[in-house]
């Protein structure tokens, strides 16, 4: 890792081979395992595990105490709040090895996952979706959807800029003015 263009705090471990993009900062007490890939300009907070095979896109922010287990894929600009829980096995048992049963969890571009939310493996969280703090996500989340609760249920829609949209067939964001339209239960820009 000679002249590297990213920062890794001296208390953290990066197993080789692993890939860390330019401008990324890996803070205190983290472990990036071999075959993990972290994109450019990410912030990896204190006490974060990035397991083998995990893929993190550009511009992601992973807050303190998050473990990203094998099978987790974050697209660009995903925000993970503190102490999020990801899983990778649906029915774990200590006595039974189920590494061949890992399920992929995909978090699409621009999504926000609130503090202490739990993301059960095998789900897809849509682009610019917003998962509220403490939510337990057991099913796929649509693009731009606002979900919270246990289990998480859709409670509305969010703008790309992170502001809740007003109800209606053609909502426009009060903060940035971006226009949306509802079509067949899906929110689309424009």
N, C-alpha and C. Protein backbone atom coordinates (compact mmCIF):
# COMPACT_ATOMS: atom_id res chain seq x y z
N UNK A 1 0.82 -1.20 0.00
CA UNK A 1 0.00 0.00 0.00
C UNK A 1 0.86 1.25 0.00
N UNK A 2 2.12 1.19 -0.18
CA UNK A 2 3.08 2.28 -0.30
C UNK A 2 2.52 3.68 -0.20
N UNK A 3 2.63 4.44 -1.28
CA UNK A 3 2.12 5.81 -1.35
C UNK A 3 0.64 5.77 -1.66
N UNK A 4 -0.16 5.67 -0.65
CA UNK A 4 -1.60 5.53 -0.87
C UNK A 4 -2.29 6.89 -0.86
N UNK A 5 -3.41 6.94 -1.56
CA UNK A 5 -4.19 8.18 -1.65
C UNK A 5 -5.47 8.09 -0.84
N UNK A 6 -5.46 7.29 0.22
CA UNK A 6 -6.56 7.17 1.17
C UNK A 6 -5.95 7.14 2.56
N UNK A 7 -6.79 7.28 3.60
CA UNK A 7 -6.31 7.32 4.98
C UNK A 7 -6.85 6.12 5.75
N UNK A 8 -5.98 5.44 6.48
CA UNK A 8 -6.38 4.38 7.40
C UNK A 8 -5.74 4.68 8.74
N UNK A 9 -6.57 4.86 9.78
CA UNK A 9 -6.04 5.14 11.12
C UNK A 9 -5.16 3.97 11.58
N UNK A 10 -4.13 4.28 12.35
CA UNK A 10 -3.16 3.27 12.78
C UNK A 10 -3.77 2.15 13.63
N UNK A 11 -4.95 2.38 14.22
CA UNK A 11 -5.59 1.35 15.04
C UNK A 11 -6.43 0.38 14.20
N UNK A 12 -6.53 0.62 12.90
CA UNK A 12 -7.36 -0.21 12.03
C UNK A 12 -6.52 -1.20 11.25
N UNK A 13 -7.18 -2.27 10.78
CA UNK A 13 -6.53 -3.32 10.00
C UNK A 13 -7.15 -3.38 8.61
N UNK A 14 -6.29 -3.51 7.61
CA UNK A 14 -6.74 -3.76 6.24
C UNK A 14 -6.01 -5.00 5.75
N UNK A 15 -6.76 -6.10 5.59
CA UNK A 15 -6.18 -7.35 5.10
C UNK A 15 -6.01 -7.25 3.58
N UNK A 16 -5.00 -7.92 3.08
CA UNK A 16 -4.73 -7.87 1.64
C UNK A 16 -5.08 -9.21 1.00
N UNK A 17 -5.60 -9.18 -0.22
CA UNK A 17 -5.86 -7.98 -1.01
C UNK A 17 -7.22 -7.38 -0.66
N UNK A 18 -7.26 -6.07 -0.56
CA UNK A 18 -8.49 -5.29 -0.41
C UNK A 18 -8.31 -4.03 -1.24
N UNK A 19 -9.40 -3.42 -1.62
CA UNK A 19 -9.34 -2.23 -2.46
C UNK A 19 -10.00 -1.07 -1.73
N UNK A 20 -9.27 0.05 -1.62
CA UNK A 20 -9.80 1.26 -1.00
C UNK A 20 -9.53 2.41 -1.95
N UNK A 21 -10.59 3.15 -2.31
CA UNK A 21 -10.49 4.22 -3.29
C UNK A 21 -9.88 5.50 -2.75
N UNK A 22 -9.43 6.33 -3.68
CA UNK A 22 -8.80 7.61 -3.36
C UNK A 22 -9.74 8.49 -2.55
N UNK A 23 -9.18 9.16 -1.56
CA UNK A 23 -9.93 10.10 -0.74
C UNK A 23 -10.74 9.48 0.37
N UNK A 24 -10.76 8.16 0.47
CA UNK A 24 -11.51 7.48 1.51
C UNK A 24 -10.77 7.55 2.84
N UNK A 25 -11.53 7.66 3.92
CA UNK A 25 -10.97 7.70 5.28
C UNK A 25 -11.55 6.53 6.08
N UNK A 26 -10.66 5.72 6.64
CA UNK A 26 -11.04 4.60 7.50
C UNK A 26 -10.57 4.97 8.90
N UNK A 27 -11.50 5.20 9.81
CA UNK A 27 -11.17 5.72 11.14
C UNK A 27 -10.84 4.61 12.13
N UNK A 28 -10.87 4.92 13.40
CA UNK A 28 -10.37 4.08 14.50
C UNK A 28 -11.05 2.70 14.58
N UNK A 29 -10.23 1.69 14.90
CA UNK A 29 -10.68 0.34 15.28
C UNK A 29 -11.53 -0.36 14.23
N UNK A 30 -11.24 -0.12 12.96
CA UNK A 30 -11.96 -0.77 11.87
C UNK A 30 -11.19 -2.00 11.38
N UNK A 31 -11.91 -2.88 10.70
CA UNK A 31 -11.30 -4.04 10.06
C UNK A 31 -11.89 -4.18 8.66
N UNK A 32 -11.03 -4.02 7.67
CA UNK A 32 -11.40 -4.25 6.28
C UNK A 32 -10.76 -5.58 5.89
N UNK A 33 -11.59 -6.57 5.61
CA UNK A 33 -11.09 -7.92 5.34
C UNK A 33 -10.69 -8.08 3.87
N UNK A 34 -9.93 -9.13 3.61
CA UNK A 34 -9.45 -9.37 2.24
C UNK A 34 -10.63 -9.51 1.28
N UNK A 35 -10.40 -9.06 0.06
CA UNK A 35 -11.38 -9.12 -1.03
C UNK A 35 -12.56 -8.19 -0.83
N UNK A 36 -12.47 -7.25 0.11
CA UNK A 36 -13.48 -6.20 0.24
C UNK A 36 -13.10 -5.06 -0.70
N UNK A 37 -14.09 -4.30 -1.16
CA UNK A 37 -13.83 -3.16 -2.04
C UNK A 37 -14.60 -1.94 -1.54
N UNK A 38 -13.87 -0.87 -1.29
CA UNK A 38 -14.45 0.39 -0.84
C UNK A 38 -14.13 1.44 -1.90
N UNK A 39 -15.13 2.19 -2.33
CA UNK A 39 -14.95 3.18 -3.38
C UNK A 39 -14.23 4.44 -2.94
N UNK A 40 -14.26 5.43 -3.81
CA UNK A 40 -13.61 6.71 -3.58
C UNK A 40 -14.43 7.59 -2.63
N UNK A 41 -13.73 8.44 -1.88
CA UNK A 41 -14.34 9.50 -1.07
C UNK A 41 -15.38 8.99 -0.08
N UNK A 42 -15.13 7.84 0.49
CA UNK A 42 -16.01 7.29 1.53
C UNK A 42 -15.48 7.68 2.91
N UNK A 43 -16.36 7.66 3.90
CA UNK A 43 -15.98 7.83 5.30
C UNK A 43 -16.44 6.58 6.03
N UNK A 44 -15.48 5.86 6.61
CA UNK A 44 -15.76 4.64 7.36
C UNK A 44 -15.51 4.99 8.82
N UNK A 45 -16.57 5.12 9.61
CA UNK A 45 -16.48 5.55 11.00
C UNK A 45 -15.83 4.53 11.91
N UNK A 46 -15.75 4.88 13.17
CA UNK A 46 -15.10 4.05 14.18
C UNK A 46 -15.78 2.70 14.35
N UNK A 47 -14.94 1.64 14.52
CA UNK A 47 -15.42 0.30 14.84
C UNK A 47 -16.35 -0.29 13.77
N UNK A 48 -15.93 -0.18 12.51
CA UNK A 48 -16.70 -0.72 11.39
C UNK A 48 -15.98 -1.96 10.87
N UNK A 49 -16.74 -3.02 10.60
CA UNK A 49 -16.24 -4.21 9.94
C UNK A 49 -16.72 -4.21 8.51
N UNK A 50 -15.79 -4.39 7.57
CA UNK A 50 -16.12 -4.57 6.16
C UNK A 50 -15.62 -5.98 5.81
N UNK A 51 -16.53 -6.94 5.72
CA UNK A 51 -16.16 -8.35 5.54
C UNK A 51 -15.75 -8.64 4.11
N UNK A 52 -15.15 -9.80 3.93
CA UNK A 52 -14.72 -10.26 2.60
C UNK A 52 -15.89 -10.24 1.63
N UNK A 53 -15.62 -9.74 0.44
CA UNK A 53 -16.63 -9.73 -0.61
C UNK A 53 -17.59 -8.57 -0.58
N UNK A 54 -17.56 -7.75 0.46
CA UNK A 54 -18.45 -6.59 0.54
C UNK A 54 -18.03 -5.57 -0.51
N UNK A 55 -19.00 -4.91 -1.13
CA UNK A 55 -18.74 -3.87 -2.11
C UNK A 55 -19.40 -2.59 -1.64
N UNK A 56 -18.60 -1.53 -1.54
CA UNK A 56 -19.08 -0.21 -1.12
C UNK A 56 -18.75 0.76 -2.25
N UNK A 57 -19.76 1.47 -2.75
CA UNK A 57 -19.57 2.40 -3.85
C UNK A 57 -18.89 3.69 -3.41
N UNK A 58 -18.79 4.63 -4.33
CA UNK A 58 -18.17 5.93 -4.07
C UNK A 58 -19.06 6.81 -3.20
N UNK A 59 -18.42 7.63 -2.37
CA UNK A 59 -19.13 8.65 -1.60
C UNK A 59 -20.03 8.14 -0.50
N UNK A 60 -19.83 6.92 -0.04
CA UNK A 60 -20.66 6.37 1.04
C UNK A 60 -20.17 6.84 2.39
N UNK A 61 -21.08 6.96 3.34
CA UNK A 61 -20.75 7.31 4.71
C UNK A 61 -21.29 6.20 5.62
N UNK A 62 -20.36 5.53 6.30
CA UNK A 62 -20.71 4.44 7.21
C UNK A 62 -20.38 4.94 8.60
N UNK A 63 -21.38 5.15 9.43
CA UNK A 63 -21.17 5.68 10.77
C UNK A 63 -20.65 4.58 11.71
N UNK A 64 -20.37 4.95 12.95
CA UNK A 64 -19.75 4.06 13.94
C UNK A 64 -20.56 2.78 14.19
N UNK A 65 -19.79 1.70 14.48
CA UNK A 65 -20.37 0.44 14.96
C UNK A 65 -21.27 -0.27 13.96
N UNK A 66 -20.91 -0.23 12.69
CA UNK A 66 -21.66 -0.94 11.66
C UNK A 66 -20.82 -2.11 11.18
N UNK A 67 -21.44 -3.29 11.05
CA UNK A 67 -20.78 -4.45 10.47
C UNK A 67 -21.43 -4.77 9.14
N UNK A 68 -20.62 -4.72 8.09
CA UNK A 68 -21.08 -5.04 6.74
C UNK A 68 -20.57 -6.45 6.45
N UNK A 69 -21.47 -7.43 6.50
CA UNK A 69 -21.10 -8.83 6.33
C UNK A 69 -21.09 -9.25 4.87
N UNK A 70 -20.42 -10.34 4.57
CA UNK A 70 -20.34 -10.88 3.21
C UNK A 70 -21.75 -10.94 2.61
N UNK A 71 -21.88 -10.40 1.42
CA UNK A 71 -23.18 -10.35 0.74
C UNK A 71 -23.77 -8.97 0.68
N UNK A 72 -23.24 -8.02 1.45
CA UNK A 72 -23.76 -6.65 1.43
C UNK A 72 -23.11 -5.87 0.30
N UNK A 73 -23.95 -5.20 -0.49
CA UNK A 73 -23.49 -4.34 -1.57
C UNK A 73 -24.15 -2.98 -1.40
N UNK A 74 -23.32 -1.93 -1.26
CA UNK A 74 -23.81 -0.56 -1.19
C UNK A 74 -23.43 0.14 -2.48
N UNK A 75 -24.39 0.69 -3.18
CA UNK A 75 -24.08 1.48 -4.36
C UNK A 75 -23.55 2.85 -3.92
N UNK A 76 -23.32 3.75 -4.85
CA UNK A 76 -22.76 5.07 -4.54
C UNK A 76 -23.66 5.89 -3.61
N UNK A 77 -23.02 6.67 -2.76
CA UNK A 77 -23.65 7.69 -1.91
C UNK A 77 -24.70 7.15 -0.94
N UNK A 78 -24.47 5.97 -0.42
CA UNK A 78 -25.35 5.40 0.60
C UNK A 78 -24.90 5.92 1.97
N UNK A 79 -25.86 6.25 2.82
CA UNK A 79 -25.58 6.67 4.20
C UNK A 79 -26.06 5.59 5.15
N UNK A 80 -25.15 5.09 5.99
CA UNK A 80 -25.48 4.11 7.02
C UNK A 80 -25.30 4.76 8.37
N UNK A 81 -26.39 4.96 9.10
CA UNK A 81 -26.33 5.56 10.43
C UNK A 81 -25.66 4.66 11.44
N UNK A 82 -25.39 5.19 12.63
CA UNK A 82 -24.68 4.42 13.66
C UNK A 82 -25.40 3.13 14.04
N UNK A 83 -24.62 2.09 14.25
CA UNK A 83 -25.08 0.82 14.82
C UNK A 83 -26.13 0.10 13.99
N UNK A 84 -26.09 0.27 12.69
CA UNK A 84 -26.97 -0.51 11.81
C UNK A 84 -26.56 -1.98 11.89
N UNK A 85 -27.56 -2.86 11.77
CA UNK A 85 -27.30 -4.30 11.76
C UNK A 85 -27.67 -4.84 10.39
N UNK A 86 -26.68 -5.43 9.72
CA UNK A 86 -26.92 -6.20 8.50
C UNK A 86 -26.79 -7.68 8.86
N UNK A 87 -27.56 -8.53 8.21
CA UNK A 87 -27.40 -9.97 8.39
C UNK A 87 -27.04 -10.59 7.05
N UNK A 88 -26.61 -11.85 7.04
CA UNK A 88 -26.35 -12.51 5.76
C UNK A 88 -26.83 -13.96 5.71
N UNK A 89 -27.40 -14.46 6.80
CA UNK A 89 -27.99 -15.80 6.82
C UNK A 89 -29.39 -15.67 7.41
N UNK A 90 -30.37 -16.28 6.73
CA UNK A 90 -31.76 -16.17 7.16
C UNK A 90 -32.03 -16.93 8.45
N UNK A 91 -31.46 -18.13 8.57
CA UNK A 91 -31.75 -18.98 9.73
C UNK A 91 -30.45 -19.49 10.37
N UNK A 92 -29.69 -18.60 10.99
CA UNK A 92 -28.39 -19.00 11.54
C UNK A 92 -28.51 -19.95 12.74
N UNK A 93 -27.53 -20.84 12.83
CA UNK A 93 -27.33 -21.71 13.99
C UNK A 93 -25.84 -21.81 14.23
N UNK A 94 -25.44 -21.78 15.46
CA UNK A 94 -24.02 -21.88 15.79
C UNK A 94 -23.44 -23.22 15.36
N UNK A 95 -24.21 -24.29 15.49
CA UNK A 95 -23.72 -25.64 15.21
C UNK A 95 -23.66 -25.97 13.72
N UNK A 96 -24.36 -25.19 12.89
CA UNK A 96 -24.48 -25.55 11.47
C UNK A 96 -23.84 -24.45 10.62
N UNK A 97 -22.88 -24.83 9.81
CA UNK A 97 -22.21 -23.88 8.92
C UNK A 97 -23.11 -23.62 7.72
N UNK A 98 -23.42 -22.35 7.47
CA UNK A 98 -24.32 -22.00 6.37
C UNK A 98 -23.71 -20.95 5.45
N UNK A 99 -22.38 -20.95 5.33
CA UNK A 99 -21.72 -19.97 4.49
C UNK A 99 -22.15 -20.08 3.03
N UNK A 100 -22.60 -21.26 2.61
CA UNK A 100 -23.07 -21.41 1.24
C UNK A 100 -24.50 -20.89 1.07
N UNK A 101 -25.11 -20.40 2.15
CA UNK A 101 -26.47 -19.88 2.10
C UNK A 101 -26.52 -18.36 2.27
N UNK A 102 -25.36 -17.69 2.23
CA UNK A 102 -25.37 -16.22 2.35
C UNK A 102 -26.28 -15.63 1.28
N UNK A 103 -27.02 -14.62 1.68
CA UNK A 103 -27.89 -13.92 0.74
C UNK A 103 -27.38 -12.50 0.54
N UNK A 104 -27.51 -12.03 -0.68
CA UNK A 104 -27.07 -10.68 -0.99
C UNK A 104 -28.10 -9.66 -0.50
N UNK A 105 -27.60 -8.57 0.05
CA UNK A 105 -28.41 -7.41 0.40
C UNK A 105 -27.90 -6.26 -0.44
N UNK A 106 -28.77 -5.65 -1.24
CA UNK A 106 -28.40 -4.57 -2.12
C UNK A 106 -29.03 -3.27 -1.63
N UNK A 107 -28.19 -2.27 -1.41
CA UNK A 107 -28.67 -0.93 -1.04
C UNK A 107 -28.31 -0.02 -2.20
N UNK A 108 -29.32 0.49 -2.88
CA UNK A 108 -29.10 1.25 -4.11
C UNK A 108 -28.69 2.70 -3.83
N UNK A 109 -28.25 3.33 -4.87
CA UNK A 109 -27.68 4.68 -4.86
C UNK A 109 -28.51 5.65 -4.01
N UNK A 110 -27.79 6.38 -3.16
CA UNK A 110 -28.38 7.50 -2.43
C UNK A 110 -29.30 7.14 -1.27
N UNK A 111 -29.46 5.86 -0.97
CA UNK A 111 -30.35 5.46 0.12
C UNK A 111 -29.77 5.86 1.47
N UNK A 112 -30.66 6.10 2.44
CA UNK A 112 -30.28 6.42 3.81
C UNK A 112 -30.84 5.36 4.74
N UNK A 113 -29.98 4.82 5.59
CA UNK A 113 -30.39 3.83 6.58
C UNK A 113 -30.19 4.46 7.95
N UNK A 114 -31.27 4.66 8.70
CA UNK A 114 -31.22 5.34 9.98
C UNK A 114 -30.56 4.53 11.08
N UNK A 115 -30.12 5.22 12.10
CA UNK A 115 -29.42 4.62 13.24
C UNK A 115 -30.20 3.45 13.82
N UNK A 116 -29.47 2.40 14.16
CA UNK A 116 -30.03 1.21 14.80
C UNK A 116 -31.07 0.47 13.98
N UNK A 117 -31.12 0.72 12.68
CA UNK A 117 -32.03 -0.08 11.86
C UNK A 117 -31.41 -1.46 11.64
N UNK A 118 -32.27 -2.44 11.38
CA UNK A 118 -31.85 -3.81 11.11
C UNK A 118 -32.29 -4.16 9.70
N UNK A 119 -31.33 -4.63 8.89
CA UNK A 119 -31.62 -4.96 7.51
C UNK A 119 -31.44 -6.47 7.36
N UNK A 120 -32.55 -7.20 7.23
CA UNK A 120 -32.50 -8.65 7.10
C UNK A 120 -32.00 -8.99 5.70
N UNK A 121 -31.14 -9.97 5.60
CA UNK A 121 -30.49 -10.30 4.33
C UNK A 121 -31.49 -10.69 3.25
N UNK A 122 -31.05 -10.47 2.01
CA UNK A 122 -31.85 -10.85 0.87
C UNK A 122 -32.77 -9.76 0.35
N UNK A 123 -32.76 -8.60 0.98
CA UNK A 123 -33.63 -7.51 0.53
C UNK A 123 -32.86 -6.54 -0.36
N UNK A 124 -33.63 -5.77 -1.13
CA UNK A 124 -33.09 -4.65 -1.90
C UNK A 124 -33.74 -3.39 -1.38
N UNK A 125 -32.91 -2.41 -1.07
CA UNK A 125 -33.40 -1.10 -0.65
C UNK A 125 -33.19 -0.16 -1.83
N UNK A 126 -34.27 0.43 -2.29
CA UNK A 126 -34.27 1.20 -3.52
C UNK A 126 -33.47 2.49 -3.46
N UNK A 127 -33.24 3.04 -4.65
CA UNK A 127 -32.51 4.29 -4.78
C UNK A 127 -33.21 5.41 -4.01
N UNK A 128 -32.45 6.16 -3.25
CA UNK A 128 -32.92 7.32 -2.49
C UNK A 128 -34.02 6.98 -1.48
N UNK A 129 -34.18 5.71 -1.17
CA UNK A 129 -35.11 5.31 -0.11
C UNK A 129 -34.58 5.81 1.23
N UNK A 130 -35.45 5.86 2.22
CA UNK A 130 -35.08 6.35 3.55
C UNK A 130 -35.66 5.39 4.58
N UNK A 131 -34.76 4.73 5.31
CA UNK A 131 -35.16 3.79 6.36
C UNK A 131 -35.01 4.51 7.69
N UNK A 132 -36.11 4.65 8.43
CA UNK A 132 -36.09 5.38 9.70
C UNK A 132 -35.29 4.67 10.78
N UNK A 133 -34.86 5.44 11.75
CA UNK A 133 -34.08 4.91 12.88
C UNK A 133 -34.85 3.80 13.57
N UNK A 134 -34.16 2.70 13.86
CA UNK A 134 -34.74 1.59 14.58
C UNK A 134 -35.64 0.68 13.78
N UNK A 135 -35.82 0.94 12.49
CA UNK A 135 -36.69 0.11 11.66
C UNK A 135 -36.10 -1.28 11.48
N UNK A 136 -36.98 -2.26 11.27
CA UNK A 136 -36.55 -3.62 10.97
C UNK A 136 -37.06 -3.94 9.56
N UNK A 137 -36.13 -3.96 8.60
CA UNK A 137 -36.49 -4.14 7.19
C UNK A 137 -36.44 -5.62 6.85
N UNK A 138 -37.62 -6.18 6.52
CA UNK A 138 -37.74 -7.61 6.21
C UNK A 138 -38.14 -7.86 4.76
N UNK A 139 -38.46 -6.78 4.02
CA UNK A 139 -38.88 -6.90 2.62
C UNK A 139 -38.23 -5.79 1.81
N UNK A 140 -38.25 -5.94 0.49
CA UNK A 140 -37.70 -4.92 -0.39
C UNK A 140 -38.36 -3.57 -0.13
N UNK A 141 -37.58 -2.51 -0.34
CA UNK A 141 -38.04 -1.13 -0.17
C UNK A 141 -37.95 -0.45 -1.53
N UNK A 142 -39.03 0.19 -1.95
CA UNK A 142 -39.08 0.84 -3.27
C UNK A 142 -38.18 2.07 -3.34
N UNK A 143 -37.80 2.44 -4.55
CA UNK A 143 -37.08 3.69 -4.76
C UNK A 143 -37.87 4.84 -4.13
N UNK A 144 -37.19 5.74 -3.44
CA UNK A 144 -37.74 6.95 -2.82
C UNK A 144 -38.70 6.69 -1.66
N UNK A 145 -38.90 5.46 -1.27
CA UNK A 145 -39.86 5.15 -0.21
C UNK A 145 -39.32 5.55 1.16
N UNK A 146 -40.19 6.01 2.02
CA UNK A 146 -39.90 6.25 3.43
C UNK A 146 -40.52 5.10 4.20
N UNK A 147 -39.67 4.34 4.92
CA UNK A 147 -40.17 3.24 5.73
C UNK A 147 -39.67 3.37 7.16
N UNK A 148 -40.50 2.96 8.10
CA UNK A 148 -40.08 2.86 9.49
C UNK A 148 -41.01 1.92 10.22
N UNK A 149 -40.61 1.53 11.44
CA UNK A 149 -41.39 0.62 12.26
C UNK A 149 -40.80 -0.77 12.28
N UNK A 150 -41.48 -1.65 13.05
CA UNK A 150 -41.06 -3.04 13.19
C UNK A 150 -42.28 -3.94 13.02
N UNK A 151 -42.41 -4.61 11.88
CA UNK A 151 -41.54 -4.53 10.71
C UNK A 151 -41.73 -3.20 9.98
N UNK A 152 -40.71 -2.81 9.21
CA UNK A 152 -40.77 -1.54 8.48
C UNK A 152 -41.90 -1.58 7.45
N UNK A 153 -42.66 -0.50 7.43
CA UNK A 153 -43.75 -0.34 6.46
C UNK A 153 -43.61 1.03 5.81
N UNK A 154 -44.04 1.11 4.57
CA UNK A 154 -43.94 2.39 3.87
C UNK A 154 -44.89 3.40 4.48
N UNK A 155 -44.33 4.60 4.74
CA UNK A 155 -45.10 5.66 5.39
C UNK A 155 -45.19 6.91 4.52
N UNK A 156 -44.56 6.89 3.35
CA UNK A 156 -44.58 8.04 2.45
C UNK A 156 -43.45 7.94 1.46
N UNK A 157 -43.09 9.12 0.90
CA UNK A 157 -42.05 9.20 -0.12
C UNK A 157 -41.04 10.27 0.25
N UNK A 158 -39.82 10.09 -0.20
CA UNK A 158 -38.73 11.03 0.07
C UNK A 158 -38.17 11.58 -1.23
N UNK A 159 -37.78 12.84 -1.19
CA UNK A 159 -37.11 13.46 -2.32
C UNK A 159 -35.66 12.99 -2.37
N UNK A 160 -35.06 13.13 -3.50
CA UNK A 160 -33.64 12.82 -3.67
C UNK A 160 -32.79 13.63 -2.69
N UNK A 161 -33.26 14.83 -2.31
CA UNK A 161 -32.50 15.69 -1.40
C UNK A 161 -32.70 15.32 0.07
N UNK A 162 -33.56 14.33 0.37
CA UNK A 162 -33.73 13.86 1.74
C UNK A 162 -34.87 14.50 2.51
N UNK A 163 -35.78 15.16 1.83
CA UNK A 163 -36.94 15.80 2.46
C UNK A 163 -38.19 14.99 2.12
N UNK A 164 -39.06 14.83 3.12
CA UNK A 164 -40.30 14.08 2.89
C UNK A 164 -41.19 14.84 1.91
N UNK A 165 -41.75 14.10 0.96
CA UNK A 165 -42.61 14.71 -0.06
C UNK A 165 -44.06 14.77 0.43
N UNK A 166 -44.80 15.79 -0.03
CA UNK A 166 -46.22 15.85 0.33
C UNK A 166 -46.99 14.74 -0.39
N UNK A 167 -48.13 14.37 0.18
CA UNK A 167 -48.97 13.35 -0.44
C UNK A 167 -49.56 13.91 -1.74
N UNK A 168 -49.85 13.03 -2.68
CA UNK A 168 -50.48 13.46 -3.92
C UNK A 168 -49.91 12.73 -5.12
N UNK A 169 -50.60 12.84 -6.24
CA UNK A 169 -50.20 12.15 -7.46
C UNK A 169 -48.99 12.78 -8.14
N UNK A 170 -48.76 14.08 -7.93
CA UNK A 170 -47.63 14.77 -8.56
C UNK A 170 -46.93 15.64 -7.52
N UNK A 171 -46.31 15.00 -6.52
CA UNK A 171 -45.67 15.78 -5.46
C UNK A 171 -44.42 16.50 -5.95
N UNK A 172 -44.19 17.69 -5.41
CA UNK A 172 -42.96 18.43 -5.68
C UNK A 172 -42.32 18.73 -4.33
N UNK A 173 -41.01 18.69 -4.30
CA UNK A 173 -40.28 18.92 -3.06
C UNK A 173 -40.30 20.40 -2.68
N UNK A 174 -40.69 20.68 -1.45
CA UNK A 174 -40.72 22.06 -0.95
C UNK A 174 -39.31 22.62 -0.78
N UNK A 175 -38.32 21.76 -0.59
CA UNK A 175 -36.96 22.23 -0.34
C UNK A 175 -36.19 22.53 -1.62
N UNK A 176 -36.24 21.60 -2.59
CA UNK A 176 -35.41 21.78 -3.79
C UNK A 176 -36.22 21.99 -5.07
N UNK A 177 -37.55 21.78 -5.01
CA UNK A 177 -38.40 22.00 -6.17
C UNK A 177 -38.46 20.84 -7.16
N UNK A 178 -37.72 19.78 -6.91
CA UNK A 178 -37.73 18.63 -7.82
C UNK A 178 -39.14 18.05 -7.89
N UNK A 179 -39.59 17.75 -9.11
CA UNK A 179 -40.95 17.24 -9.32
C UNK A 179 -40.93 15.72 -9.48
N UNK A 180 -41.99 15.08 -9.00
CA UNK A 180 -42.16 13.64 -9.08
C UNK A 180 -43.56 13.34 -9.56
N UNK A 181 -43.76 12.08 -9.99
CA UNK A 181 -45.11 11.62 -10.35
C UNK A 181 -45.26 10.17 -9.87
N UNK A 182 -46.46 9.86 -9.43
CA UNK A 182 -46.77 8.49 -9.04
C UNK A 182 -47.38 7.77 -10.23
N UNK A 183 -46.84 6.59 -10.53
CA UNK A 183 -47.37 5.80 -11.64
C UNK A 183 -47.35 4.34 -11.22
N UNK A 184 -48.54 3.74 -11.16
CA UNK A 184 -48.66 2.31 -10.80
C UNK A 184 -47.97 2.00 -9.48
N UNK A 185 -48.10 2.89 -8.49
CA UNK A 185 -47.55 2.67 -7.18
C UNK A 185 -46.06 2.93 -7.05
N UNK A 186 -45.42 3.43 -8.11
CA UNK A 186 -44.00 3.76 -8.07
C UNK A 186 -43.82 5.25 -8.25
N UNK A 187 -42.83 5.81 -7.55
CA UNK A 187 -42.52 7.22 -7.66
C UNK A 187 -41.40 7.39 -8.68
N UNK A 188 -41.61 8.31 -9.62
CA UNK A 188 -40.62 8.59 -10.66
C UNK A 188 -40.35 10.09 -10.70
N UNK A 189 -39.10 10.43 -11.02
CA UNK A 189 -38.78 11.84 -11.18
C UNK A 189 -39.33 12.36 -12.49
N UNK A 190 -39.69 13.66 -12.47
CA UNK A 190 -40.12 14.30 -13.72
C UNK A 190 -41.57 14.57 -13.83
